[in-house]
PDB file of N, CA and C in Angstrom:
ATOM      1  N   UNK A   1       0.837  -1.203   0.000  1.00  0.00           N
ATOM      2  CA  UNK A   1       0.000   0.000   0.000  1.00  0.00           C
ATOM      3  C   UNK A   1       0.872   1.255   0.000  1.00  0.00           C
ATOM      4  N   UNK A   2       1.929   1.235   0.792  1.00  0.00           N
ATOM      5  CA  UNK A   2       2.829   2.391   0.867  1.00  0.00           C
ATOM      6  C   UNK A   2       3.541   2.616  -0.464  1.00  0.00           C
ATOM      7  N   UNK A   3       3.958   1.516  -1.095  1.00  0.00           N
ATOM      8  CA  UNK A   3       4.619   1.624  -2.397  1.00  0.00           C
ATOM      9  C   UNK A   3       3.677   2.252  -3.425  1.00  0.00           C
ATOM     10  N   UNK A   4       2.432   1.820  -3.397  1.00  0.00           N
ATOM     11  CA  UNK A   4       1.429   2.368  -4.299  1.00  0.00           C
ATOM     12  C   UNK A   4       1.294   3.872  -4.086  1.00  0.00           C
ATOM     13  N   UNK A   5       1.261   4.265  -2.805  1.00  0.00           N
ATOM     14  CA  UNK A   5       1.129   5.679  -2.469  1.00  0.00           C
ATOM     15  C   UNK A   5       2.340   6.472  -2.951  1.00  0.00           C
ATOM     16  N   UNK A   6       3.522   5.911  -2.785  1.00  0.00           N
ATOM     17  CA  UNK A   6       4.746   6.579  -3.217  1.00  0.00           C
ATOM     18  C   UNK A   6       4.787   6.742  -4.726  1.00  0.00           C
ATOM     19  N   UNK A   7       4.377   5.704  -5.440  1.00  0.00           N
ATOM     20  CA  UNK A   7       4.325   5.780  -6.904  1.00  0.00           C
ATOM     21  C   UNK A   7       3.330   6.852  -7.322  1.00  0.00           C
ATOM     22  N   UNK A   8       2.204   6.893  -6.624  1.00  0.00           N
ATOM     23  CA  UNK A   8       1.168   7.866  -6.923  1.00  0.00           C
ATOM     24  C   UNK A   8       1.660   9.285  -6.670  1.00  0.00           C
ATOM     25  N   UNK A   9       2.356   9.480  -5.553  1.00  0.00           N
ATOM     26  CA  UNK A   9       2.805  10.823  -5.192  1.00  0.00           C
ATOM     27  C   UNK A   9       3.970  11.305  -6.046  1.00  0.00           C
ATOM     28  N   UNK A  10       4.598  10.391  -6.796  1.00  0.00           N
ATOM     29  CA  UNK A  10       5.690  10.800  -7.682  1.00  0.00           C
ATOM     30  C   UNK A  10       5.140  11.616  -8.854  1.00  0.00           C
ATOM     31  N   UNK A  11       3.874  11.443  -9.156  1.00  0.00           N
ATOM     32  CA  UNK A  11       3.230  12.243 -10.192  1.00  0.00           C
ATOM     33  C   UNK A  11       2.183  13.140  -9.530  1.00  0.00           C
ATOM     34  N   UNK A  12       2.507  14.411  -9.388  1.00  0.00           N
ATOM     35  CA  UNK A  12       1.679  15.352  -8.631  1.00  0.00           C
ATOM     36  C   UNK A  12       0.257  15.481  -9.186  1.00  0.00           C
ATOM     37  N   UNK A  13       0.139  15.500 -10.517  1.00  0.00           N
ATOM     38  CA  UNK A  13      -1.178  15.654 -11.138  1.00  0.00           C
ATOM     39  C   UNK A  13      -2.105  14.514 -10.757  1.00  0.00           C
ATOM     40  N   UNK A  14      -1.609  13.300 -10.874  1.00  0.00           N
ATOM     41  CA  UNK A  14      -2.416  12.113 -10.548  1.00  0.00           C
ATOM     42  C   UNK A  14      -2.823  12.148  -9.074  1.00  0.00           C
ATOM     43  N   UNK A  15      -1.874  12.516  -8.213  1.00  0.00           N
ATOM     44  CA  UNK A  15      -2.149  12.557  -6.781  1.00  0.00           C
ATOM     45  C   UNK A  15      -3.247  13.563  -6.460  1.00  0.00           C
ATOM     46  N   UNK A  16      -3.118  14.746  -7.034  1.00  0.00           N
ATOM     47  CA  UNK A  16      -4.129  15.787  -6.789  1.00  0.00           C
ATOM     48  C   UNK A  16      -5.503  15.324  -7.232  1.00  0.00           C
ATOM     49  N   UNK A  17      -5.556  14.733  -8.419  1.00  0.00           N
ATOM     50  CA  UNK A  17      -6.816  14.253  -8.957  1.00  0.00           C
ATOM     51  C   UNK A  17      -7.384  13.145  -8.073  1.00  0.00           C
ATOM     52  N   UNK A  18      -6.497  12.236  -7.659  1.00  0.00           N
ATOM     53  CA  UNK A  18      -6.898  11.110  -6.821  1.00  0.00           C
ATOM     54  C   UNK A  18      -7.493  11.581  -5.497  1.00  0.00           C
ATOM     55  N   UNK A  19      -6.800  12.505  -4.837  1.00  0.00           N
ATOM     56  CA  UNK A  19      -7.298  13.011  -3.560  1.00  0.00           C
ATOM     57  C   UNK A  19      -8.568  13.826  -3.737  1.00  0.00           C
ATOM     58  N   UNK A  20      -8.636  14.563  -4.817  1.00  0.00           N
ATOM     59  CA  UNK A  20      -9.834  15.336  -5.106  1.00  0.00           C
ATOM     60  C   UNK A  20     -11.054  14.438  -5.269  1.00  0.00           C
ATOM     61  N   UNK A  21     -10.882  13.371  -6.019  1.00  0.00           N
ATOM     62  CA  UNK A  21     -11.969  12.416  -6.219  1.00  0.00           C
ATOM     63  C   UNK A  21     -12.344  11.734  -4.907  1.00  0.00           C
ATOM     64  N   UNK A  22     -11.336  11.346  -4.119  1.00  0.00           N
ATOM     65  CA  UNK A  22     -11.586  10.687  -2.847  1.00  0.00           C
ATOM     66  C   UNK A  22     -12.387  11.591  -1.929  1.00  0.00           C
ATOM     67  N   UNK A  23     -11.972  12.851  -1.832  1.00  0.00           N
ATOM     68  CA  UNK A  23     -12.662  13.804  -0.961  1.00  0.00           C
ATOM     69  C   UNK A  23     -14.086  14.035  -1.430  1.00  0.00           C
ATOM     70  N   UNK A  24     -14.263  14.152  -2.735  1.00  0.00           N
ATOM     71  CA  UNK A  24     -15.596  14.364  -3.291  1.00  0.00           C
ATOM     72  C   UNK A  24     -16.503  13.177  -2.964  1.00  0.00           C
ATOM     73  N   UNK A  25     -15.938  11.971  -3.126  1.00  0.00           N
ATOM     74  CA  UNK A  25     -16.698  10.746  -2.845  1.00  0.00           C
ATOM     75  C   UNK A  25     -17.083  10.674  -1.368  1.00  0.00           C
ATOM     76  N   UNK A  26     -16.110  10.963  -0.487  1.00  0.00           N
ATOM     77  CA  UNK A  26     -16.366  10.912   0.958  1.00  0.00           C
ATOM     78  C   UNK A  26     -17.415  11.941   1.350  1.00  0.00           C
ATOM     79  N   UNK A  27     -17.306  13.143   0.806  1.00  0.00           N
ATOM     80  CA  UNK A  27     -18.268  14.196   1.130  1.00  0.00           C
ATOM     81  C   UNK A  27     -19.673  13.832   0.694  1.00  0.00           C
ATOM     82  N   UNK A  28     -19.814  13.310  -0.528  1.00  0.00           N
ATOM     83  CA  UNK A  28     -21.142  12.951  -1.020  1.00  0.00           C
ATOM     84  C   UNK A  28     -21.703  11.771  -0.234  1.00  0.00           C
ATOM     85  N   UNK A  29     -20.827  10.847   0.169  1.00  0.00           N
ATOM     86  CA  UNK A  29     -21.275   9.702   0.962  1.00  0.00           C
ATOM     87  C   UNK A  29     -21.758  10.169   2.331  1.00  0.00           C
ATOM     88  N   UNK A  30     -21.010  11.090   2.959  1.00  0.00           N
ATOM     89  CA  UNK A  30     -21.406  11.646   4.251  1.00  0.00           C
ATOM     90  C   UNK A  30     -22.758  12.318   4.151  1.00  0.00           C
ATOM     91  N   UNK A  31     -22.936  13.094   3.093  1.00  0.00           N
ATOM     92  CA  UNK A  31     -24.189  13.813   2.888  1.00  0.00           C
ATOM     93  C   UNK A  31     -25.346  12.832   2.737  1.00  0.00           C
ATOM     94  N   UNK A  32     -25.125  11.792   1.930  1.00  0.00           N
ATOM     95  CA  UNK A  32     -26.165  10.786   1.714  1.00  0.00           C
ATOM     96  C   UNK A  32     -26.519  10.058   3.000  1.00  0.00           C
ATOM     97  N   UNK A  33     -25.519   9.634   3.753  1.00  0.00           N
ATOM     98  CA  UNK A  33     -25.781   8.889   4.980  1.00  0.00           C
ATOM     99  C   UNK A  33     -26.461   9.784   6.012  1.00  0.00           C
ATOM    100  N   UNK A  34     -26.103  11.077   6.008  1.00  0.00           N
ATOM    101  CA  UNK A  34     -26.744  12.026   6.919  1.00  0.00           C
ATOM    102  C   UNK A  34     -28.220  12.184   6.574  1.00  0.00           C
ATOM    103  N   UNK A  35     -28.512  12.327   5.296  1.00  0.00           N
ATOM    104  CA  UNK A  35     -29.902  12.452   4.828  1.00  0.00           C
ATOM    105  C   UNK A  35     -30.692  11.188   5.189  1.00  0.00           C
ATOM    106  N   UNK A  36     -30.071  10.043   4.954  1.00  0.00           N
ATOM    107  CA  UNK A  36     -30.739   8.765   5.211  1.00  0.00           C
ATOM    108  C   UNK A  36     -31.063   8.606   6.691  1.00  0.00           C
ATOM    109  N   UNK A  37     -30.109   8.940   7.558  1.00  0.00           N
ATOM    110  CA  UNK A  37     -30.336   8.801   8.996  1.00  0.00           C
ATOM    111  C   UNK A  37     -31.392   9.794   9.469  1.00  0.00           C
ATOM    112  N   UNK A  38     -31.409  10.980   8.871  1.00  0.00           N
ATOM    113  CA  UNK A  38     -32.405  11.995   9.206  1.00  0.00           C
ATOM    114  C   UNK A  38     -33.801  11.491   8.840  1.00  0.00           C
ATOM    115  N   UNK A  39     -33.904  10.912   7.651  1.00  0.00           N
ATOM    116  CA  UNK A  39     -35.171  10.371   7.173  1.00  0.00           C
ATOM    117  C   UNK A  39     -35.641   9.219   8.056  1.00  0.00           C
ATOM    118  N   UNK A  40     -34.704   8.335   8.402  1.00  0.00           N
ATOM    119  CA  UNK A  40     -35.025   7.206   9.275  1.00  0.00           C
ATOM    120  C   UNK A  40     -35.531   7.685  10.629  1.00  0.00           C
ATOM    121  N   UNK A  41     -34.891   8.713  11.162  1.00  0.00           N
ATOM    122  CA  UNK A  41     -35.289   9.276  12.458  1.00  0.00           C
ATOM    123  C   UNK A  41     -36.712   9.814  12.393  1.00  0.00           C
ATOM    124  N   UNK A  42     -37.014  10.559  11.340  1.00  0.00           N
ATOM    125  CA  UNK A  42     -38.362  11.116  11.180  1.00  0.00           C
ATOM    126  C   UNK A  42     -39.415  10.022  11.077  1.00  0.00           C
ATOM    127  N   UNK A  43     -39.119   8.998  10.291  1.00  0.00           N
ATOM    128  CA  UNK A  43     -40.059   7.886  10.107  1.00  0.00           C
ATOM    129  C   UNK A  43     -40.300   7.165  11.433  1.00  0.00           C
ATOM    130  N   UNK A  44     -39.235   6.905  12.165  1.00  0.00           N
ATOM    131  CA  UNK A  44     -39.383   6.198  13.443  1.00  0.00           C
ATOM    132  C   UNK A  44     -40.124   7.060  14.465  1.00  0.00           C
ATOM    133  N   UNK A  45     -39.901   8.369  14.426  1.00  0.00           N
ATOM    134  CA  UNK A  45     -40.620   9.273  15.330  1.00  0.00           C
ATOM    135  C   UNK A  45     -42.109   9.283  15.014  1.00  0.00           C
ATOM    136  N   UNK A  46     -42.431   9.286  13.722  1.00  0.00           N
ATOM    137  CA  UNK A  46     -43.842   9.242  13.313  1.00  0.00           C
ATOM    138  C   UNK A  46     -44.485   7.928  13.744  1.00  0.00           C
ATOM    139  N   UNK A  47     -43.723   6.836  13.604  1.00  0.00           N
ATOM    140  CA  UNK A  47     -44.231   5.516  13.996  1.00  0.00           C
ATOM    141  C   UNK A  47     -44.513   5.466  15.496  1.00  0.00           C
ATOM    142  N   UNK A  48     -43.643   6.086  16.276  1.00  0.00           N
ATOM    143  CA  UNK A  48     -43.832   6.119  17.736  1.00  0.00           C
ATOM    144  C   UNK A  48     -45.033   6.991  18.093  1.00  0.00           C
ATOM    145  N   UNK A  49     -45.195   8.097  17.377  1.00  0.00           N
ATOM    146  CA  UNK A  49     -46.265   9.059  17.671  1.00  0.00           C
ATOM    147  C   UNK A  49     -47.654   8.472  17.416  1.00  0.00           C
ATOM    148  N   UNK A  50     -47.753   7.591  16.417  1.00  0.00           N
ATOM    149  CA  UNK A  50     -49.072   7.040  16.079  1.00  0.00           C
ATOM    150  C   UNK A  50     -49.427   5.846  16.946  1.00  0.00           C
TER     151      UNK A  50
END
């Protein structure tokens, strides 16, 4: 894994693109999971209320 990272970091353009994509993916995943948990909470609250 470290060797892969070193090879990747030897080319700055690839590294920047790679990290950019990773961050974008993580951010969108966080947003999705946050929305999903929010929705689940609302549904369960409604179920308890009725």
